[in-house]
Amino acid sequence: EVSVLGVDNDEFSCGLSTPPLSSIDMNLEKVGYTAAQLLQ
């Protein structure tokens, strides 16, 4: 009846919910790597 999609793909939170929550993987490791590269 209700389909729910989250954002961040926090695996702990998504697995904690009932039913497990679909979510968007934000590509955060690439953000962190690039930010470090830019700061360097």
Full PDB file with SEQRES, HELIX, SHEET, SSBOND, CRYST1, ORIGX, SCALE, CONECT and MASTER records, all heavy atoms in Angstrom:
SEQRES   1 A   40  GLU VAL SER VAL LEU GLY VAL ASP ASN ASP GLU PHE SER          
SEQRES   2 A   40  CYS GLY LEU SER THR PRO PRO LEU SER SER ILE ASP MET          
SEQRES   3 A   40  ASN LEU GLU LYS VAL GLY TYR THR ALA ALA GLN LEU LEU          
SEQRES   4 A   40  GLN                                                          
HELIX    1 AA1 GLU A   11  LEU A   16  1                                   6    
HELIX    2 AA2 LEU A   28  LEU A   39  1                                  12    
SHEET    1 AA1 2 LEU A   5  VAL A   7  0                                        
SHEET    2 AA1 2 SER A  22  ILE A  24  1                                        
CRYST1    1.000    1.000    1.000  90.00  90.00  90.00 P 1           1          
ORIGX1      1.000000  0.000000  0.000000        0.00000                         
ORIGX2      0.000000  1.000000  0.000000        0.00000                         
ORIGX3      0.000000  0.000000  1.000000        0.00000                         
SCALE1      1.000000  0.000000  0.000000        0.00000                         
SCALE2      0.000000  1.000000  0.000000        0.00000                         
SCALE3      0.000000  0.000000  1.000000        0.00000                         
ATOM      1  N   GLU A   1       0.818  -1.213   0.000  1.00  0.00           N  
ATOM      2  CA  GLU A   1       0.000   0.000   0.000  1.00  0.00           C  
ATOM      3  C   GLU A   1       0.854   1.267   0.000  1.00  0.00           C  
ATOM      4  O   GLU A   1       0.529   2.249  -0.669  1.00  0.00           O  
ATOM      5  CB  GLU A   1      -0.932   0.007   1.217  1.00  0.00           C  
ATOM      6  CG  GLU A   1      -1.976  -1.087   1.207  1.00  0.00           C  
ATOM      7  CD  GLU A   1      -2.843  -1.048   2.449  1.00  0.00           C  
ATOM      8  OE1 GLU A   1      -2.374  -1.513   3.513  1.00  0.00           O  
ATOM      9  OE2 GLU A   1      -3.981  -0.547   2.367  1.00  0.00           O  
ATOM     10  N   VAL A   2       1.921   1.237   0.770  1.00  0.00           N  
ATOM     11  CA  VAL A   2       2.827   2.387   0.864  1.00  0.00           C  
ATOM     12  C   VAL A   2       4.252   1.894   0.611  1.00  0.00           C  
ATOM     13  O   VAL A   2       4.749   1.024   1.322  1.00  0.00           O  
ATOM     14  CB  VAL A   2       2.743   3.066   2.245  1.00  0.00           C  
ATOM     15  CG1 VAL A   2       3.669   4.286   2.278  1.00  0.00           C  
ATOM     16  CG2 VAL A   2       1.309   3.473   2.571  1.00  0.00           C  
ATOM     17  N   SER A   3       4.884   2.448  -0.411  1.00  0.00           N  
ATOM     18  CA  SER A   3       6.271   2.106  -0.738  1.00  0.00           C  
ATOM     19  C   SER A   3       7.155   3.259  -0.285  1.00  0.00           C  
ATOM     20  O   SER A   3       6.875   4.418  -0.584  1.00  0.00           O  
ATOM     21  CB  SER A   3       6.412   1.888  -2.243  1.00  0.00           C  
ATOM     22  OG  SER A   3       7.679   1.397  -2.590  1.00  0.00           O  
ATOM     23  N   VAL A   4       8.229   2.959   0.467  1.00  0.00           N  
ATOM     24  CA  VAL A   4       9.039   4.008   1.101  1.00  0.00           C  
ATOM     25  C   VAL A   4      10.500   3.867   0.678  1.00  0.00           C  
ATOM     26  O   VAL A   4      11.083   2.783   0.753  1.00  0.00           O  
ATOM     27  CB  VAL A   4       8.941   3.944   2.641  1.00  0.00           C  
ATOM     28  CG1 VAL A   4       9.791   5.044   3.277  1.00  0.00           C  
ATOM     29  CG2 VAL A   4       7.488   4.066   3.087  1.00  0.00           C  
ATOM     30  N   LEU A   5      11.085   4.998   0.270  1.00  0.00           N  
ATOM     31  CA  LEU A   5      12.501   5.050  -0.123  1.00  0.00           C  
ATOM     32  C   LEU A   5      13.211   6.119   0.688  1.00  0.00           C  
ATOM     33  O   LEU A   5      12.757   7.259   0.749  1.00  0.00           O  
ATOM     34  CB  LEU A   5      12.626   5.367  -1.612  1.00  0.00           C  
ATOM     35  CG  LEU A   5      14.043   5.556  -2.176  1.00  0.00           C  
ATOM     36  CD1 LEU A   5      14.806   4.231  -2.138  1.00  0.00           C  
ATOM     37  CD2 LEU A   5      13.988   6.102  -3.600  1.00  0.00           C  
ATOM     38  N   GLY A   6      14.337   5.767   1.317  1.00  0.00           N  
ATOM     39  CA  GLY A   6      15.130   6.720   2.085  1.00  0.00           C  
ATOM     40  C   GLY A   6      16.335   7.222   1.310  1.00  0.00           C  
ATOM     41  O   GLY A   6      16.526   6.899   0.133  1.00  0.00           O  
ATOM     42  N   VAL A   7      17.167   7.996   1.980  1.00  0.00           N  
ATOM     43  CA  VAL A   7      18.393   8.542   1.395  1.00  0.00           C  
ATOM     44  C   VAL A   7      19.514   8.446   2.430  1.00  0.00           C  
ATOM     45  O   VAL A   7      19.299   8.789   3.592  1.00  0.00           O  
ATOM     46  CB  VAL A   7      18.220  10.018   0.980  1.00  0.00           C  
ATOM     47  CG1 VAL A   7      19.529  10.569   0.404  1.00  0.00           C  
ATOM     48  CG2 VAL A   7      17.085  10.193  -0.020  1.00  0.00           C  
ATOM     49  N   ASP A   8      20.671   8.007   2.017  1.00  0.00           N  
ATOM     50  CA  ASP A   8      21.925   7.888   2.778  1.00  0.00           C  
ATOM     51  C   ASP A   8      22.413   6.452   2.853  1.00  0.00           C  
ATOM     52  O   ASP A   8      23.587   6.197   3.064  1.00  0.00           O  
ATOM     53  CB  ASP A   8      21.852   8.440   4.207  1.00  0.00           C  
ATOM     54  CG  ASP A   8      21.808   9.950   4.255  1.00  0.00           C  
ATOM     55  OD1 ASP A   8      22.154  10.587   3.239  1.00  0.00           O  
ATOM     56  OD2 ASP A   8      21.418  10.509   5.305  1.00  0.00           O  
ATOM     57  N   ASN A   9      21.488   5.482   2.750  1.00  0.00           N  
ATOM     58  CA  ASN A   9      21.830   4.064   2.839  1.00  0.00           C  
ATOM     59  C   ASN A   9      22.630   3.747   4.101  1.00  0.00           C  
ATOM     60  O   ASN A   9      23.686   3.121   4.048  1.00  0.00           O  
ATOM     61  CB  ASN A   9      22.598   3.595   1.607  1.00  0.00           C  
ATOM     62  CG  ASN A   9      22.651   2.078   1.507  1.00  0.00           C  
ATOM     63  OD1 ASN A   9      21.692   1.399   1.851  1.00  0.00           O  
ATOM     64  ND2 ASN A   9      23.768   1.539   1.064  1.00  0.00           N  
ATOM     65  N   ASP A  10      22.111   4.198   5.234  1.00  0.00           N  
ATOM     66  CA  ASP A  10      22.678   3.828   6.531  1.00  0.00           C  
ATOM     67  C   ASP A  10      22.271   2.378   6.799  1.00  0.00           C  
ATOM     68  O   ASP A  10      21.120   2.102   7.132  1.00  0.00           O  
ATOM     69  CB  ASP A  10      22.145   4.758   7.620  1.00  0.00           C  
ATOM     70  CG  ASP A  10      22.788   4.503   8.971  1.00  0.00           C  
ATOM     71  OD1 ASP A  10      23.074   3.335   9.296  1.00  0.00           O  
ATOM     72  OD2 ASP A  10      23.003   5.480   9.718  1.00  0.00           O  
ATOM     73  N   GLU A  11      23.204   1.452   6.627  1.00  0.00           N  
ATOM     74  CA  GLU A  11      22.862   0.040   6.683  1.00  0.00           C  
ATOM     75  C   GLU A  11      22.295  -0.369   8.035  1.00  0.00           C  
ATOM     76  O   GLU A  11      21.430  -1.241   8.122  1.00  0.00           O  
ATOM     77  CB  GLU A  11      24.084  -0.812   6.330  1.00  0.00           C  
ATOM     78  CG  GLU A  11      24.508  -0.652   4.870  1.00  0.00           C  
ATOM     79  CD  GLU A  11      25.513  -1.691   4.443  1.00  0.00           C  
ATOM     80  OE1 GLU A  11      25.839  -2.592   5.256  1.00  0.00           O  
ATOM     81  OE2 GLU A  11      25.969  -1.629   3.284  1.00  0.00           O  
ATOM     82  N   PHE A  12      22.762   0.265   9.120  1.00  0.00           N  
ATOM     83  CA  PHE A  12      22.223  -0.062  10.439  1.00  0.00           C  
ATOM     84  C   PHE A  12      20.760   0.354  10.522  1.00  0.00           C  
ATOM     85  O   PHE A  12      19.890  -0.436  10.899  1.00  0.00           O  
ATOM     86  CB  PHE A  12      23.029   0.647  11.532  1.00  0.00           C  
ATOM     87  CG  PHE A  12      22.431   0.476  12.911  1.00  0.00           C  
ATOM     88  CD1 PHE A  12      22.612  -0.701  13.610  1.00  0.00           C  
ATOM     89  CD2 PHE A  12      21.680   1.488  13.487  1.00  0.00           C  
ATOM     90  CE1 PHE A  12      22.050  -0.875  14.878  1.00  0.00           C  
ATOM     91  CE2 PHE A  12      21.113   1.330  14.741  1.00  0.00           C  
ATOM     92  CZ  PHE A  12      21.298   0.151  15.438  1.00  0.00           C  
ATOM     93  N   SER A  13      20.472   1.602  10.148  1.00  0.00           N  
ATOM     94  CA  SER A  13      19.096   2.096  10.222  1.00  0.00           C  
ATOM     95  C   SER A  13      18.182   1.342   9.265  1.00  0.00           C  
ATOM     96  O   SER A  13      17.061   0.977   9.619  1.00  0.00           O  
ATOM     97  CB  SER A  13      19.049   3.594   9.908  1.00  0.00           C  
ATOM     98  OG  SER A  13      19.766   4.339  10.863  1.00  0.00           O  
ATOM     99  N   CYS A  14      18.663   1.117   8.032  1.00  0.00           N  
ATOM    100  CA  CYS A  14      17.838   0.441   7.038  1.00  0.00           C  
ATOM    101  C   CYS A  14      17.513  -0.985   7.456  1.00  0.00           C  
ATOM    102  O   CYS A  14      16.427  -1.494   7.187  1.00  0.00           O  
ATOM    103  CB  CYS A  14      18.538   0.445   5.688  1.00  0.00           C  
ATOM    104  SG  CYS A  14      18.691   2.093   4.947  1.00  0.00           S  
ATOM    105  N   GLY A  15      18.453  -1.645   8.131  1.00  0.00           N  
ATOM    106  CA  GLY A  15      18.214  -2.998   8.601  1.00  0.00           C  
ATOM    107  C   GLY A  15      17.405  -3.052   9.881  1.00  0.00           C  
ATOM    108  O   GLY A  15      16.758  -4.057  10.181  1.00  0.00           O  
ATOM    109  N   LEU A  16      17.409  -1.948  10.632  1.00  0.00           N  
ATOM    110  CA  LEU A  16      16.679  -1.890  11.896  1.00  0.00           C  
ATOM    111  C   LEU A  16      15.174  -1.800  11.674  1.00  0.00           C  
ATOM    112  O   LEU A  16      14.377  -2.260  12.491  1.00  0.00           O  
ATOM    113  CB  LEU A  16      17.151  -0.683  12.714  1.00  0.00           C  
ATOM    114  CG  LEU A  16      16.563  -0.472  14.106  1.00  0.00           C  
ATOM    115  CD1 LEU A  16      16.986  -1.612  15.029  1.00  0.00           C  
ATOM    116  CD2 LEU A  16      17.024   0.859  14.674  1.00  0.00           C  
ATOM    117  N   SER A  17      14.772  -1.204  10.559  1.00  0.00           N  
ATOM    118  CA  SER A  17      13.351  -0.977  10.296  1.00  0.00           C  
ATOM    119  C   SER A  17      12.658  -2.266   9.889  1.00  0.00           C  
ATOM    120  O   SER A  17      13.283  -3.243   9.485  1.00  0.00           O  
ATOM    121  CB  SER A  17      13.186   0.068   9.193  1.00  0.00           C  
ATOM    122  OG  SER A  17      13.704  -0.432   7.970  1.00  0.00           O  
ATOM    123  N   THR A  18      11.330  -2.251   9.996  1.00  0.00           N  
ATOM    124  CA  THR A  18      10.500  -3.374   9.585  1.00  0.00           C  
ATOM    125  C   THR A  18       9.421  -2.854   8.642  1.00  0.00           C  
ATOM    126  O   THR A  18       8.571  -2.089   9.063  1.00  0.00           O  
ATOM    127  CB  THR A  18       9.839  -4.071  10.788  1.00  0.00           C  
ATOM    128  OG1 THR A  18      10.847  -4.456  11.720  1.00  0.00           O  
ATOM    129  CG2 THR A  18       9.058  -5.282  10.353  1.00  0.00           C  
ATOM    130  N   PRO A  19       9.478  -3.230   7.353  1.00  0.00           N  
ATOM    131  CA  PRO A  19      10.496  -4.059   6.698  1.00  0.00           C  
ATOM    132  C   PRO A  19      11.771  -3.263   6.459  1.00  0.00           C  
ATOM    133  O   PRO A  19      11.770  -2.044   6.646  1.00  0.00           O  
ATOM    134  CB  PRO A  19       9.826  -4.429   5.373  1.00  0.00           C  
ATOM    135  CG  PRO A  19       8.969  -3.244   5.065  1.00  0.00           C  
ATOM    136  CD  PRO A  19       8.432  -2.795   6.397  1.00  0.00           C  
ATOM    137  N   PRO A  20      12.864  -3.911   6.038  1.00  0.00           N  
ATOM    138  CA  PRO A  20      14.100  -3.169   5.743  1.00  0.00           C  
ATOM    139  C   PRO A  20      13.858  -2.080   4.715  1.00  0.00           C  
ATOM    140  O   PRO A  20      13.110  -2.248   3.759  1.00  0.00           O  
ATOM    141  CB  PRO A  20      15.033  -4.265   5.211  1.00  0.00           C  
ATOM    142  CG  PRO A  20      14.528  -5.523   5.836  1.00  0.00           C  
ATOM    143  CD  PRO A  20      13.040  -5.374   5.892  1.00  0.00           C  
ATOM    144  N   LEU A  21      14.525  -0.940   4.922  1.00  0.00           N  
ATOM    145  CA  LEU A  21      14.282   0.260   4.131  1.00  0.00           C  
ATOM    146  C   LEU A  21      15.170   0.326   2.891  1.00  0.00           C  
ATOM    147  O   LEU A  21      16.400   0.260   2.993  1.00  0.00           O  
ATOM    148  CB  LEU A  21      14.537   1.495   5.006  1.00  0.00           C  
ATOM    149  CG  LEU A  21      14.406   2.874   4.346  1.00  0.00           C  
ATOM    150  CD1 LEU A  21      12.962   3.144   3.949  1.00  0.00           C  
ATOM    151  CD2 LEU A  21      14.923   3.960   5.284  1.00  0.00           C  
ATOM    152  N   SER A  22      14.557   0.486   1.717  1.00  0.00           N  
ATOM    153  CA  SER A  22      15.326   0.795   0.511  1.00  0.00           C  
ATOM    154  C   SER A  22      15.893   2.199   0.637  1.00  0.00           C  
ATOM    155  O   SER A  22      15.247   3.084   1.220  1.00  0.00           O  
ATOM    156  CB  SER A  22      14.437   0.715  -0.734  1.00  0.00           C  
ATOM    157  OG  SER A  22      13.969  -0.583  -0.963  1.00  0.00           O  
ATOM    158  N   SER A  23      17.075   2.417   0.080  1.00  0.00           N  
ATOM    159  CA  SER A  23      17.691   3.734   0.253  1.00  0.00           C  
ATOM    160  C   SER A  23      18.646   4.024  -0.896  1.00  0.00           C  
ATOM    161  O   SER A  23      19.016   3.131  -1.662  1.00  0.00           O  
ATOM    162  CB  SER A  23      18.433   3.809   1.590  1.00  0.00           C  
ATOM    163  OG  SER A  23      18.882   5.123   1.861  1.00  0.00           O  
ATOM    164  N   ILE A  24      19.053   5.293  -0.997  1.00  0.00           N  
ATOM    165  CA  ILE A  24      19.950   5.736  -2.052  1.00  0.00           C  
ATOM    166  C   ILE A  24      21.375   5.811  -1.512  1.00  0.00           C  
ATOM    167  O   ILE A  24      21.642   6.494  -0.529  1.00  0.00           O  
ATOM    168  CB  ILE A  24      19.526   7.108  -2.603  1.00  0.00           C  
ATOM    169  CG1 ILE A  24      18.119   7.028  -3.193  1.00  0.00           C  
ATOM    170  CG2 ILE A  24      20.518   7.594  -3.662  1.00  0.00           C  
ATOM    171  CD1 ILE A  24      17.587   8.348  -3.701  1.00  0.00           C  
ATOM    172  N   ASP A  25      22.270   5.071  -2.166  1.00  0.00           N  
ATOM    173  CA  ASP A  25      23.689   5.137  -1.848  1.00  0.00           C  
ATOM    174  C   ASP A  25      24.226   6.437  -2.431  1.00  0.00           C  
ATOM    175  O   ASP A  25      24.178   6.666  -3.636  1.00  0.00           O  
ATOM    176  CB  ASP A  25      24.403   3.930  -2.454  1.00  0.00           C  
ATOM    177  CG  ASP A  25      25.877   3.854  -2.081  1.00  0.00           C  
ATOM    178  OD1 ASP A  25      26.496   4.922  -1.858  1.00  0.00           O  
ATOM    179  OD2 ASP A  25      26.419   2.743  -2.027  1.00  0.00           O  
ATOM    180  N   MET A  26      24.813   7.284  -1.560  1.00  0.00           N  
ATOM    181  CA  MET A  26      25.155   8.651  -1.951  1.00  0.00           C  
ATOM    182  C   MET A  26      26.562   8.816  -2.539  1.00  0.00           C  
ATOM    183  O   MET A  26      26.969   9.922  -2.853  1.00  0.00           O  
ATOM    184  CB  MET A  26      25.033   9.561  -0.728  1.00  0.00           C  
ATOM    185  CG  MET A  26      23.629   9.644  -0.175  1.00  0.00           C  
ATOM    186  SD  MET A  26      22.687  10.909  -0.982  1.00  0.00           S  
ATOM    187  CE  MET A  26      23.232  12.321  -0.014  1.00  0.00           C  
ATOM    188  N   ASN A  27      27.328   7.734  -2.648  1.00  0.00           N  
ATOM    189  CA  ASN A  27      28.681   7.875  -3.216  1.00  0.00           C  
ATOM    190  C   ASN A  27      29.604   8.660  -2.279  1.00  0.00           C  
ATOM    191  O   ASN A  27      30.466   9.428  -2.719  1.00  0.00           O  
ATOM    192  CB  ASN A  27      28.609   8.580  -4.580  1.00  0.00           C  
ATOM    193  CG  ASN A  27      29.620   8.064  -5.571  1.00  0.00           C  
ATOM    194  OD1 ASN A  27      30.375   7.152  -5.290  1.00  0.00           O  
ATOM    195  ND2 ASN A  27      29.636   8.658  -6.747  1.00  0.00           N  
ATOM    196  N   LEU A  28      29.442   8.469  -0.973  1.00  0.00           N  
ATOM    197  CA  LEU A  28      30.104   9.328   0.003  1.00  0.00           C  
ATOM    198  C   LEU A  28      31.607   9.097   0.095  1.00  0.00           C  
ATOM    199  O   LEU A  28      32.359  10.031   0.389  1.00  0.00           O  
ATOM    200  CB  LEU A  28      29.450   9.133   1.371  1.00  0.00           C  
ATOM    201  CG  LEU A  28      27.975   9.547   1.428  1.00  0.00           C  
ATOM    202  CD1 LEU A  28      27.354   9.159   2.756  1.00  0.00           C  
ATOM    203  CD2 LEU A  28      27.837  11.041   1.196  1.00  0.00           C  
ATOM    204  N   GLU A  29      32.054   7.874  -0.143  1.00  0.00           N  
ATOM    205  CA  GLU A  29      33.501   7.637  -0.092  1.00  0.00           C  
ATOM    206  C   GLU A  29      34.210   8.450  -1.165  1.00  0.00           C  
ATOM    207  O   GLU A  29      35.307   8.971  -0.939  1.00  0.00           O  
ATOM    208  CB  GLU A  29      33.801   6.149  -0.242  1.00  0.00           C  
ATOM    209  CG  GLU A  29      33.478   5.338   1.005  1.00  0.00           C  
ATOM    210  CD  GLU A  29      34.106   3.965   0.975  1.00  0.00           C  
ATOM    211  OE1 GLU A  29      35.205   3.819   0.395  1.00  0.00           O  
ATOM    212  OE2 GLU A  29      33.501   3.034   1.534  1.00  0.00           O  
ATOM    213  N   LYS A  30      33.591   8.577  -2.333  1.00  0.00           N  
ATOM    214  CA  LYS A  30      34.191   9.372  -3.394  1.00  0.00           C  
ATOM    215  C   LYS A  30      34.237  10.843  -2.985  1.00  0.00           C  
ATOM    216  O   LYS A  30      35.205  11.556  -3.276  1.00  0.00           O  
ATOM    217  CB  LYS A  30      33.419   9.203  -4.700  1.00  0.00           C  
ATOM    218  CG  LYS A  30      34.011   9.961  -5.861  1.00  0.00           C  
ATOM    219  CD  LYS A  30      33.406   9.538  -7.190  1.00  0.00           C  
ATOM    220  CE  LYS A  30      33.932   8.181  -7.614  1.00  0.00           C  
ATOM    221  NZ  LYS A  30      33.512   7.820  -8.991  1.00  0.00           N  
ATOM    222  N   VAL A  31      33.173  11.317  -2.308  1.00  0.00           N  
ATOM    223  CA  VAL A  31      33.157  12.700  -1.814  1.00  0.00           C  
ATOM    224  C   VAL A  31      34.310  12.924  -0.838  1.00  0.00           C  
ATOM    225  O   VAL A  31      35.057  13.906  -0.939  1.00  0.00           O  
ATOM    226  CB  VAL A  31      31.814  13.017  -1.138  1.00  0.00           C  
ATOM    227  CG1 VAL A  31      31.872  14.360  -0.416  1.00  0.00           C  
ATOM    228  CG2 VAL A  31      30.688  13.028  -2.161  1.00  0.00           C  
ATOM    229  N   GLY A  32      34.474  12.007   0.121  1.00  0.00           N  
ATOM    230  CA  GLY A  32      35.539  12.153   1.109  1.00  0.00           C  
ATOM    231  C   GLY A  32      36.918  12.094   0.489  1.00  0.00           C  
ATOM    232  O   GLY A  32      37.812  12.880   0.845  1.00  0.00           O  
ATOM    233  N   TYR A  33      37.120  11.159  -0.438  1.00  0.00           N  
ATOM    234  CA  TYR A  33      38.427  11.023  -1.091  1.00  0.00           C  
ATOM    235  C   TYR A  33      38.769  12.293  -1.863  1.00  0.00           C  
ATOM    236  O   TYR A  33      39.897  12.811  -1.780  1.00  0.00           O  
ATOM    237  CB  TYR A  33      38.411   9.821  -2.031  1.00  0.00           C  
ATOM    238  CG  TYR A  33      39.778   9.391  -2.512  1.00  0.00           C  
ATOM    239  CD1 TYR A  33      40.405   8.285  -1.959  1.00  0.00           C  
ATOM    240  CD2 TYR A  33      40.445  10.075  -3.527  1.00  0.00           C  
ATOM    241  CE1 TYR A  33      41.655   7.869  -2.395  1.00  0.00           C  
ATOM    242  CE2 TYR A  33      41.698   9.678  -3.968  1.00  0.00           C  
ATOM    243  CZ  TYR A  33      42.299   8.574  -3.397  1.00  0.00           C  
ATOM    244  OH  TYR A  33      43.544   8.173  -3.827  1.00  0.00           O  
ATOM    245  N   THR A  34      37.802  12.804  -2.619  1.00  0.00           N  
ATOM    246  CA  THR A  34      38.043  13.997  -3.427  1.00  0.00           C  
ATOM    247  C   THR A  34      38.296  15.214  -2.560  1.00  0.00           C  
ATOM    248  O   THR A  34      39.147  16.056  -2.880  1.00  0.00           O  
ATOM    249  CB  THR A  34      36.850  14.253  -4.366  1.00  0.00           C  
ATOM    250  OG1 THR A  34      36.659  13.104  -5.189  1.00  0.00           O  
ATOM    251  CG2 THR A  34      37.076  15.470  -5.234  1.00  0.00           C  
ATOM    252  N   ALA A  35      37.547  15.345  -1.455  1.00  0.00           N  
ATOM    253  CA  ALA A  35      37.760  16.475  -0.548  1.00  0.00           C  
ATOM    254  C   ALA A  35      39.165  16.444   0.031  1.00  0.00           C  
ATOM    255  O   ALA A  35      39.850  17.477   0.126  1.00  0.00           O  
ATOM    256  CB  ALA A  35      36.723  16.448   0.571  1.00  0.00           C  
ATOM    257  N   ALA A  36      39.638  15.254   0.408  1.00  0.00           N  
ATOM    258  CA  ALA A  36      41.000  15.123   0.932  1.00  0.00           C  
ATOM    259  C   ALA A  36      42.026  15.458  -0.151  1.00  0.00           C  
ATOM    260  O   ALA A  36      43.027  16.142   0.104  1.00  0.00           O  
ATOM    261  CB  ALA A  36      41.213  13.701   1.454  1.00  0.00           C  
ATOM    262  N   GLN A  37      41.771  14.985  -1.357  1.00  0.00           N  
ATOM    263  CA  GLN A  37      42.660  15.265  -2.478  1.00  0.00           C  
ATOM    264  C   GLN A  37      42.743  16.764  -2.758  1.00  0.00           C  
ATOM    265  O   GLN A  37      43.832  17.318  -2.977  1.00  0.00           O  
ATOM    266  CB  GLN A  37      42.115  14.521  -3.699  1.00  0.00           C  
ATOM    267  CG  GLN A  37      43.067  14.332  -4.848  1.00  0.00           C  
ATOM    268  CD  GLN A  37      42.437  13.435  -5.898  1.00  0.00           C  
ATOM    269  OE1 GLN A  37      41.269  13.608  -6.273  1.00  0.00           O  
ATOM    270  NE2 GLN A  37      43.195  12.464  -6.383  1.00  0.00           N  
ATOM    271  N   LEU A  38      41.586  17.430  -2.709  1.00  0.00           N  
ATOM    272  CA  LEU A  38      41.539  18.870  -2.946  1.00  0.00           C  
ATOM    273  C   LEU A  38      42.255  19.628  -1.836  1.00  0.00           C  
ATOM    274  O   LEU A  38      43.014  20.572  -2.103  1.00  0.00           O  
ATOM    275  CB  LEU A  38      40.082  19.324  -3.048  1.00  0.00           C  
ATOM    276  CG  LEU A  38      39.837  20.829  -3.198  1.00  0.00           C  
ATOM    277  CD1 LEU A  38      40.523  21.370  -4.441  1.00  0.00           C  
ATOM    278  CD2 LEU A  38      38.333  21.117  -3.235  1.00  0.00           C  
ATOM    279  N   LEU A  39      42.034  19.229  -0.585  1.00  0.00           N  
ATOM    280  CA  LEU A  39      42.701  19.912   0.522  1.00  0.00           C  
ATOM    281  C   LEU A  39      44.208  19.760   0.420  1.00  0.00           C  
ATOM    282  O   LEU A  39      44.955  20.716   0.688  1.00  0.00           O  
ATOM    283  CB  LEU A  39      42.199  19.364   1.858  1.00  0.00           C  
ATOM    284  CG  LEU A  39      42.765  20.054   3.100  1.00  0.00           C  
ATOM    285  CD1 LEU A  39      42.343  21.528   3.145  1.00  0.00           C  
ATOM    286  CD2 LEU A  39      42.327  19.343   4.377  1.00  0.00           C  
ATOM    287  N   GLN A  40      44.672  18.576   0.034  1.00  0.00           N  
ATOM    288  CA  GLN A  40      46.104  18.356  -0.128  1.00  0.00           C  
ATOM    289  C   GLN A  40      46.685  19.361  -1.126  1.00  0.00           C  
ATOM    290  O   GLN A  40      47.726  19.988  -0.864  1.00  0.00           O  
ATOM    291  CB  GLN A  40      46.364  16.923  -0.620  1.00  0.00           C  
ATOM    292  CG  GLN A  40      47.810  16.596  -0.900  1.00  0.00           C  
ATOM    293  CD  GLN A  40      48.632  16.327   0.356  1.00  0.00           C  
ATOM    294  OE1 GLN A  40      48.074  16.026   1.406  1.00  0.00           O  
ATOM    295  NE2 GLN A  40      49.940  16.458   0.252  1.00  0.00           N  
TER     296      GLN A  40                                                      
MASTER        0    0    0    2    2    0    0    6  295    1    0    4          
END                                                                             
